Amino acid sequence: MAVIRQREELLERRQKVLDNTDELWQDLTLAQKFSASSLTQFGYKLNFIRDFHDTHVAVLSCNDTIAVISKGGEINTHPNIKIRS
């Protein structure tokens, strides 16, 4: 079971990265759009959306600061997340 989960995680990471953030905005929930809109006023930019095992998390960044927005629109400006370069 652990091997299958690890394989799923690797496959999930290989999804195509979109150059156009407008397409990413279309994939956000309505609650995420409201929250992301408020963060963009502080300089945050939408980087990607992680949709894995019933989690739909939007990841935004501003300089070296990362913020995530849950499916319900809750903002976490100190997430326990590591982003690969």
Protein backbone atom coordinates (compact mmCIF):
# COMPACT_ATOMS: atom_id res chain seq x y z
CA MET A 1 0.00 0.00 0.00
CA ALA A 2 2.85 2.39 0.84
CA VAL A 3 4.42 1.77 -2.57
CA ILE A 4 1.17 2.67 -4.32
CA ARG A 5 0.80 5.87 -2.28
CA GLN A 6 4.42 6.86 -3.02
CA ARG A 7 3.86 6.23 -6.73
CA GLU A 8 0.68 8.36 -6.67
CA GLU A 9 2.59 11.19 -5.02
CA LEU A 10 5.28 11.06 -7.70
CA LEU A 11 2.73 11.00 -10.50
CA GLU A 12 0.84 13.90 -8.94
CA ARG A 13 4.03 15.98 -8.93
CA ARG A 14 4.51 15.46 -12.67
CA GLN A 15 1.46 17.39 -13.72
CA LYS A 16 2.06 20.10 -16.27
CA VAL A 17 2.78 23.53 -14.79
CA LEU A 18 0.68 26.22 -16.40
CA ASP A 19 2.36 29.41 -17.54
CA ASN A 20 -0.89 31.34 -17.54
CA THR A 21 -2.24 31.92 -14.03
CA ASP A 22 -5.64 32.87 -15.51
CA GLU A 23 -6.20 29.17 -16.16
CA LEU A 24 -5.29 28.40 -12.55
CA TRP A 25 -7.83 30.92 -11.26
CA GLN A 26 -10.57 29.02 -13.10
CA ASP A 27 -9.74 25.90 -11.08
CA LEU A 28 -10.16 27.61 -7.70
CA THR A 29 -13.32 27.24 -5.66
CA LEU A 30 -15.36 30.38 -5.13
CA ALA A 31 -14.15 30.63 -1.53
CA GLN A 32 -10.53 30.27 -2.67
CA LYS A 33 -11.03 33.03 -5.25
CA PHE A 34 -12.19 35.46 -2.57
CA SER A 35 -9.30 34.59 -0.28
CA ALA A 36 -6.72 34.66 -3.06
CA SER A 37 -8.04 38.00 -4.22
CA SER A 38 -7.44 39.47 -0.78
CA LEU A 39 -3.88 38.08 -0.71
CA THR A 40 -3.04 39.52 -4.13
CA GLN A 41 -3.56 42.99 -2.64
CA PHE A 42 -0.49 42.25 -0.50
CA GLY A 43 1.62 41.10 -3.46
CA TYR A 44 0.93 37.36 -3.40
CA LYS A 45 0.78 35.49 -6.69
CA LEU A 46 -0.96 32.20 -7.37
CA ASN A 47 1.71 29.58 -8.09
CA PHE A 48 -0.16 26.29 -8.37
CA ILE A 49 -3.03 24.20 -7.08
CA ARG A 50 -2.41 20.91 -5.34
CA ASP A 51 -5.36 18.55 -5.74
CA PHE A 52 -4.46 15.32 -3.99
CA HIS A 53 -6.57 12.88 -1.96
CA ASP A 54 -9.60 15.17 -1.64
CA THR A 55 -7.54 18.24 -0.76
CA HIS A 56 -7.73 21.19 -3.09
CA VAL A 57 -5.09 23.61 -1.87
CA ALA A 58 -4.05 26.79 -3.66
CA VAL A 59 -0.42 27.80 -3.09
CA LEU A 60 0.56 31.46 -3.36
CA SER A 61 3.85 33.22 -2.76
CA CYS A 62 5.15 36.70 -2.12
CA ASN A 63 8.94 36.94 -2.18
CA ASP A 64 10.00 34.14 0.19
CA THR A 65 6.66 33.92 1.99
CA ILE A 66 4.26 31.09 1.18
CA ALA A 67 0.52 31.05 1.83
CA VAL A 68 -1.96 28.26 1.20
CA ILE A 69 -5.71 28.46 0.84
CA SER A 70 -7.90 25.48 1.68
CA LYS A 71 -10.87 24.36 -0.37
CA GLY A 72 -13.12 26.29 2.02
CA GLY A 73 -11.13 29.51 1.62
CA GLU A 74 -9.16 29.41 4.88
CA ILE A 75 -5.80 31.18 4.54
CA ASN A 76 -2.69 29.81 6.22
CA THR A 77 0.32 32.12 5.97
CA HIS A 78 2.59 29.74 7.90
CA PRO A 79 1.95 26.38 6.23
CA ASN A 80 4.03 23.30 6.81
CA ILE A 81 4.89 22.95 3.14
CA LYS A 82 8.13 22.71 1.20
CA ILE A 83 8.31 23.88 -2.38
CA ARG A 84 10.88 22.47 -4.73
CA SER A 85 12.93 24.94 -6.73
